[in-house]
C-alpha atoms as a PDB file:
ATOM      1  CA  MET A   1      27.918  32.727  65.067  1.00  0.00           C
ATOM      2  CA  THR A   2      25.006  30.969  63.399  1.00  0.00           C
ATOM      3  CA  LYS A   3      24.914  27.296  64.304  1.00  0.00           C
ATOM      4  CA  ILE A   4      24.756  24.786  61.477  1.00  0.00           C
ATOM      5  CA  TYR A   5      22.576  22.397  63.421  1.00  0.00           C
ATOM      6  CA  THR A   6      18.923  23.203  64.043  1.00  0.00           C
ATOM      7  CA  LYS A   7      17.803  19.980  65.748  1.00  0.00           C
ATOM      8  CA  THR A   8      14.611  20.104  63.644  1.00  0.00           C
ATOM      9  CA  GLY A   9      15.627  16.949  61.794  1.00  0.00           C
ATOM     10  CA  ASP A  10      16.349  14.831  64.843  1.00  0.00           C
ATOM     11  CA  LYS A  11      13.162  12.800  64.363  1.00  0.00           C
ATOM     12  CA  GLY A  12      13.717  11.963  60.700  1.00  0.00           C
ATOM     13  CA  LYS A  13      12.002  14.915  59.049  1.00  0.00           C
ATOM     14  CA  THR A  14      13.346  17.927  57.219  1.00  0.00           C
ATOM     15  CA  SER A  15      12.050  20.897  55.253  1.00  0.00           C
ATOM     16  CA  LEU A  16      12.088  21.394  51.518  1.00  0.00           C
ATOM     17  CA  LEU A  17      12.034  24.826  49.904  1.00  0.00           C
ATOM     18  CA  GLY A  18       8.910  26.641  50.964  1.00  0.00           C
ATOM     19  CA  GLY A  19       8.965  24.978  54.372  1.00  0.00           C
ATOM     20  CA  ARG A  20       7.066  21.759  53.586  1.00  0.00           C
ATOM     21  CA  ARG A  21       8.113  19.085  56.117  1.00  0.00           C
ATOM     22  CA  VAL A  22       8.924  15.672  54.670  1.00  0.00           C
ATOM     23  CA  GLU A  23      10.384  12.380  55.807  1.00  0.00           C
ATOM     24  CA  LYS A  24      14.122  12.237  55.164  1.00  0.00           C
ATOM     25  CA  SER A  25      13.476   8.975  53.320  1.00  0.00           C
ATOM     26  CA  CYS A  26      11.032  10.490  50.788  1.00  0.00           C
ATOM     27  CA  ILE A  27      11.694  10.257  47.052  1.00  0.00           C
ATOM     28  CA  GLU A  28      12.365  14.008  46.746  1.00  0.00           C
ATOM     29  CA  LEU A  29      15.197  13.851  49.253  1.00  0.00           C
ATOM     30  CA  ASP A  30      16.473  10.623  47.755  1.00  0.00           C
ATOM     31  CA  ALA A  31      16.704  12.275  44.323  1.00  0.00           C
ATOM     32  CA  ILE A  32      18.237  15.449  45.785  1.00  0.00           C
ATOM     33  CA  GLY A  33      20.744  13.338  47.747  1.00  0.00           C
ATOM     34  CA  GLU A  34      21.800  11.401  44.650  1.00  0.00           C
ATOM     35  CA  VAL A  35      22.329  14.650  42.731  1.00  0.00           C
ATOM     36  CA  ASP A  36      24.286  16.004  45.712  1.00  0.00           C
ATOM     37  CA  GLU A  37      26.501  12.902  45.793  1.00  0.00           C
ATOM     38  CA  LEU A  38      27.195  13.315  42.079  1.00  0.00           C
ATOM     39  CA  ASN A  39      28.058  16.956  42.641  1.00  0.00           C
ATOM     40  CA  ALA A  40      30.449  16.045  45.466  1.00  0.00           C
ATOM     41  CA  TRP A  41      32.165  13.402  43.327  1.00  0.00           C
ATOM     42  CA  LEU A  42      32.506  15.899  40.474  1.00  0.00           C
ATOM     43  CA  GLY A  43      34.366  18.099  42.964  1.00  0.00           C
ATOM     44  CA  VAL A  44      36.837  15.237  43.447  1.00  0.00           C
ATOM     45  CA  LEU A  45      37.046  14.740  39.678  1.00  0.00           C
ATOM     46  CA  GLY A  46      37.607  18.446  39.050  1.00  0.00           C
ATOM     47  CA  GLU A  47      40.472  18.516  41.544  1.00  0.00           C
ATOM     48  CA  GLU A  48      42.011  15.425  39.946  1.00  0.00           C
ATOM     49  CA  MET A  49      41.790  16.987  36.493  1.00  0.00           C
ATOM     50  CA  GLY A  50      43.030  20.392  37.586  1.00  0.00           C
ATOM     51  CA  ASP A  51      46.683  20.053  36.585  1.00  0.00           C
ATOM     52  CA  ASP A  52      46.411  17.992  33.409  1.00  0.00           C
ATOM     53  CA  PHE A  53      43.056  19.099  32.019  1.00  0.00           C
ATOM     54  CA  VAL A  54      42.564  22.682  33.178  1.00  0.00           C
ATOM     55  CA  LYS A  55      39.815  23.595  30.696  1.00  0.00           C
ATOM     56  CA  GLU A  56      37.850  20.443  31.476  1.00  0.00           C
ATOM     57  CA  ALA A  57      38.199  20.999  35.229  1.00  0.00           C
ATOM     58  CA  LYS A  58      36.711  24.462  34.752  1.00  0.00           C
ATOM     59  CA  SER A  59      33.840  22.972  32.754  1.00  0.00           C
ATOM     60  CA  ILE A  60      33.242  20.443  35.539  1.00  0.00           C
ATOM     61  CA  ARG A  61      32.711  23.437  37.873  1.00  0.00           C
ATOM     62  CA  ARG A  62      30.042  24.698  35.491  1.00  0.00           C
ATOM     63  CA  VAL A  63      28.342  21.285  35.597  1.00  0.00           C
ATOM     64  CA  GLN A  64      28.448  21.439  39.408  1.00  0.00           C
ATOM     65  CA  ASP A  65      26.714  24.810  39.299  1.00  0.00           C
ATOM     66  CA  ARG A  66      23.984  23.336  37.112  1.00  0.00           C
ATOM     67  CA  LEU A  67      23.589  20.405  39.520  1.00  0.00           C
ATOM     68  CA  PHE A  68      22.902  22.881  42.337  1.00  0.00           C
ATOM     69  CA  VAL A  69      20.147  24.251  40.116  1.00  0.00           C
ATOM     70  CA  VAL A  70      18.791  20.719  39.608  1.00  0.00           C
ATOM     71  CA  GLY A  71      18.749  20.183  43.382  1.00  0.00           C
ATOM     72  CA  SER A  72      16.922  23.474  43.915  1.00  0.00           C
ATOM     73  CA  ILE A  73      14.337  22.585  41.292  1.00  0.00           C
ATOM     74  CA  LEU A  74      13.749  19.186  42.883  1.00  0.00           C
ATOM     75  CA  ALA A  75      13.396  20.751  46.328  1.00  0.00           C
ATOM     76  CA  ALA A  76      10.786  23.208  45.046  1.00  0.00           C
ATOM     77  CA  LEU A  77       8.654  20.895  42.899  1.00  0.00           C
ATOM     78  CA  GLN A  78       5.649  20.717  45.203  1.00  0.00           C
ATOM     79  CA  ILE A  79       5.492  24.185  46.686  1.00  0.00           C
ATOM     80  CA  GLU A  80       2.487  26.391  46.112  1.00  0.00           C
ATOM     81  CA  MET A  81       4.290  29.720  46.043  1.00  0.00           C
ATOM     82  CA  LYS A  82       6.625  30.551  43.217  1.00  0.00           C
ATOM     83  CA  LEU A  83      10.206  31.073  44.314  1.00  0.00           C
ATOM     84  CA  PRO A  84      12.825  32.600  42.021  1.00  0.00           C
ATOM     85  CA  ILE A  85      14.582  29.298  41.250  1.00  0.00           C
ATOM     86  CA  PRO A  86      16.988  29.168  38.309  1.00  0.00           C
ATOM     87  CA  LYS A  87      16.119  26.823  35.465  1.00  0.00           C
ATOM     88  CA  ILE A  88      17.955  24.209  33.477  1.00  0.00           C
ATOM     89  CA  THR A  89      17.740  25.631  29.984  1.00  0.00           C
ATOM     90  CA  THR A  90      18.006  24.236  26.509  1.00  0.00           C
ATOM     91  CA  GLN A  91      21.287  26.160  26.299  1.00  0.00           C
ATOM     92  CA  ASP A  92      22.638  24.126  29.236  1.00  0.00           C
ATOM     93  CA  ILE A  93      21.850  20.920  27.371  1.00  0.00           C
ATOM     94  CA  VAL A  94      23.293  22.182  24.092  1.00  0.00           C
ATOM     95  CA  TRP A  95      26.483  23.201  25.933  1.00  0.00           C
ATOM     96  CA  VAL A  96      26.851  19.623  27.233  1.00  0.00           C
ATOM     97  CA  GLU A  97      26.123  18.169  23.782  1.00  0.00           C
ATOM     98  CA  ASN A  98      28.694  20.467  22.179  1.00  0.00           C
ATOM     99  CA  TRP A  99      31.301  19.417  24.737  1.00  0.00           C
ATOM    100  CA  ILE A 100      30.562  15.756  23.975  1.00  0.00           C
ATOM    101  CA  ASP A 101      30.788  16.391  20.215  1.00  0.00           C
ATOM    102  CA  ARG A 102      34.152  18.188  20.520  1.00  0.00           C
ATOM    103  CA  MET A 103      35.660  15.274  22.442  1.00  0.00           C
ATOM    104  CA  GLN A 104      34.165  12.609  20.195  1.00  0.00           C
ATOM    105  CA  LYS A 105      35.770  14.190  17.122  1.00  0.00           C
ATOM    106  CA  GLU A 106      39.153  13.287  18.634  1.00  0.00           C
ATOM    107  CA  LEU A 107      38.246   9.752  19.702  1.00  0.00           C
ATOM    108  CA  PRO A 108      38.359   6.549  17.701  1.00  0.00           C
ATOM    109  CA  ASP A 109      34.992   4.939  17.047  1.00  0.00           C
ATOM    110  CA  LEU A 110      33.912   2.539  19.753  1.00  0.00           C
ATOM    111  CA  HIS A 111      32.907  -0.932  18.549  1.00  0.00           C
ATOM    112  CA  ASN A 112      32.869  -2.720  21.915  1.00  0.00           C
ATOM    113  CA  PHE A 113      31.542  -2.014  25.355  1.00  0.00           C
ATOM    114  CA  ASN A 114      34.077  -0.147  27.418  1.00  0.00           C
ATOM    115  CA  ASN A 115      34.991  -1.366  30.899  1.00  0.00           C
ATOM    116  CA  PRO A 116      35.620   1.470  33.356  1.00  0.00           C
ATOM    117  CA  GLY A 117      39.375   1.672  33.577  1.00  0.00           C
ATOM    118  CA  GLY A 118      42.505   3.441  32.461  1.00  0.00           C
ATOM    119  CA  GLY A 119      44.045   6.513  34.009  1.00  0.00           C
ATOM    120  CA  GLU A 120      43.024   8.108  37.297  1.00  0.00           C
ATOM    121  CA  GLU A 121      40.949  10.874  35.695  1.00  0.00           C
ATOM    122  CA  ALA A 122      39.145   8.433  33.396  1.00  0.00           C
ATOM    123  CA  VAL A 123      38.314   6.031  36.213  1.00  0.00           C
ATOM    124  CA  LYS A 124      36.827   8.910  38.202  1.00  0.00           C
ATOM    125  CA  CYS A 125      34.790   9.987  35.145  1.00  0.00           C
ATOM    126  CA  PHE A 126      33.399   6.476  34.784  1.00  0.00           C
ATOM    127  CA  TYR A 127      32.566   6.360  38.486  1.00  0.00           C
ATOM    128  CA  ALA A 128      30.846   9.760  38.208  1.00  0.00           C
ATOM    129  CA  ARG A 129      28.847   8.360  35.291  1.00  0.00           C
ATOM    130  CA  ALA A 130      27.597   5.484  37.450  1.00  0.00           C
ATOM    131  CA  ILE A 131      26.548   7.934  40.173  1.00  0.00           C
ATOM    132  CA  CYS A 132      24.897  10.131  37.540  1.00  0.00           C
ATOM    133  CA  ARG A 133      22.883   7.225  36.170  1.00  0.00           C
ATOM    134  CA  ARG A 134      21.685   6.355  39.684  1.00  0.00           C
ATOM    135  CA  ALA A 135      20.733   9.991  40.277  1.00  0.00           C
ATOM    136  CA  GLU A 136      18.923  10.057  36.949  1.00  0.00           C
ATOM    137  CA  ARG A 137      16.936   6.933  37.906  1.00  0.00           C
ATOM    138  CA  ARG A 138      15.809   8.639  41.129  1.00  0.00           C
ATOM    139  CA  VAL A 139      14.822  11.800  39.269  1.00  0.00           C
ATOM    140  CA  VAL A 140      12.854   9.688  36.765  1.00  0.00           C
ATOM    141  CA  GLN A 141      11.216   7.872  39.681  1.00  0.00           C
ATOM    142  CA  LEU A 142      10.297  11.233  41.225  1.00  0.00           C
ATOM    143  CA  ASN A 143       8.862  12.289  37.858  1.00  0.00           C
ATOM    144  CA  SER A 144       6.337   9.457  38.119  1.00  0.00           C
ATOM    145  CA  THR A 145       4.994  11.120  41.284  1.00  0.00           C
ATOM    146  CA  VAL A 146       5.375  14.821  40.529  1.00  0.00           C
ATOM    147  CA  LYS A 147       6.195  16.520  37.222  1.00  0.00           C
ATOM    148  CA  VAL A 148       9.925  17.173  36.877  1.00  0.00           C
ATOM    149  CA  PRO A 149      10.781  19.757  34.200  1.00  0.00           C
ATOM    150  CA  GLU A 150      11.744  18.056  30.955  1.00  0.00           C
ATOM    151  CA  ASN A 151      15.048  19.916  30.732  1.00  0.00           C
ATOM    152  CA  VAL A 152      16.101  18.473  34.104  1.00  0.00           C
ATOM    153  CA  LEU A 153      15.486  14.955  32.779  1.00  0.00           C
ATOM    154  CA  ARG A 154      17.325  15.758  29.538  1.00  0.00           C
ATOM    155  CA  PHE A 155      20.264  17.340  31.387  1.00  0.00           C
ATOM    156  CA  MET A 156      20.730  14.344  33.678  1.00  0.00           C
ATOM    157  CA  ASN A 157      20.590  11.964  30.724  1.00  0.00           C
ATOM    158  CA  ARG A 158      23.068  13.990  28.697  1.00  0.00           C
ATOM    159  CA  LEU A 159      25.376  14.365  31.688  1.00  0.00           C
ATOM    160  CA  SER A 160      25.879  10.594  31.958  1.00  0.00           C
ATOM    161  CA  ASP A 161      26.806  10.566  28.247  1.00  0.00           C
ATOM    162  CA  LEU A 162      29.243  13.407  28.856  1.00  0.00           C
ATOM    163  CA  LEU A 163      30.951  11.612  31.720  1.00  0.00           C
ATOM    164  CA  PHE A 164      31.374   8.447  29.645  1.00  0.00           C
ATOM    165  CA  VAL A 165      32.893  10.335  26.720  1.00  0.00           C
ATOM    166  CA  LEU A 166      35.028  12.429  29.078  1.00  0.00           C
ATOM    167  CA  GLY A 167      36.433   9.227  30.590  1.00  0.00           C
ATOM    168  CA  ARG A 168      37.315   7.900  27.143  1.00  0.00           C
ATOM    169  CA  TRP A 169      38.778  11.261  26.151  1.00  0.00           C
ATOM    170  CA  CYS A 170      40.943  11.452  29.298  1.00  0.00           C
ATOM    171  CA  ASN A 171      42.343   8.012  28.537  1.00  0.00           C
ATOM    172  CA  PHE A 172      42.989   9.017  24.925  1.00  0.00           C
ATOM    173  CA  LYS A 173      44.735  12.273  25.870  1.00  0.00           C
ATOM    174  CA  SER A 174      46.812  10.503  28.545  1.00  0.00           C
ATOM    175  CA  GLY A 175      47.884   7.730  26.183  1.00  0.00           C
ATOM    176  CA  GLN A 176      46.015   5.108  28.216  1.00  0.00           C
ATOM    177  CA  GLU A 177      44.521   2.147  26.408  1.00  0.00           C
ATOM    178  CA  GLU A 178      40.790   1.732  26.696  1.00  0.00           C
ATOM    179  CA  VAL A 179      39.702  -1.356  28.563  1.00  0.00           C
ATOM    180  CA  LEU A 180      37.368  -2.939  26.032  1.00  0.00           C
ATOM    181  CA  TRP A 181      34.979  -5.715  26.876  1.00  0.00           C
ATOM    182  CA  LYS A 182      35.263  -8.474  24.319  1.00  0.00           C
ATOM    183  CA  GLY A 183      32.567 -10.751  25.653  1.00  0.00           C
ATOM    184  CA  LYS A 184      32.783 -14.442  26.289  1.00  0.00           C
ATOM    185  CA  LYS A 185      34.122 -16.446  23.365  1.00  0.00           C
END
């Protein structure tokens, strides 16, 4: 049996791809951790959607796969040697945009801000969107230090849009009213 613990991180350092040792509090690991948290929450969302929205749950799994790619890219940004790391492609972004467009065709136009609420699936979509936006901010912050591929930045931005529209769409399909913010009168 291979043990999961190595004890090499006991003093607050860990290794990125290629073996470079870094502080566990560095921006790379912060960005990777935020993407990982988003991926974990999408696992919860996918399970929640499984019975009522089978096709969407399957698509969430595809998003999770792409987030593993994002994490790998972030972990390999500063290595000298070239590792065979998958890429986030323009096709990945177009796939997300097409999914958004298909859902938006079914939705009424939105003329107010939308408070996160409604059915269980929608609430979890809105929560995933908040996590995604935090992860995106960390990736953008990392980009100010080391060049992050443009498609990673685009994918993270588009993903937060997707999760917002998916939340609205879940409410619509479930017959839940959107919780619109009217502002102070």
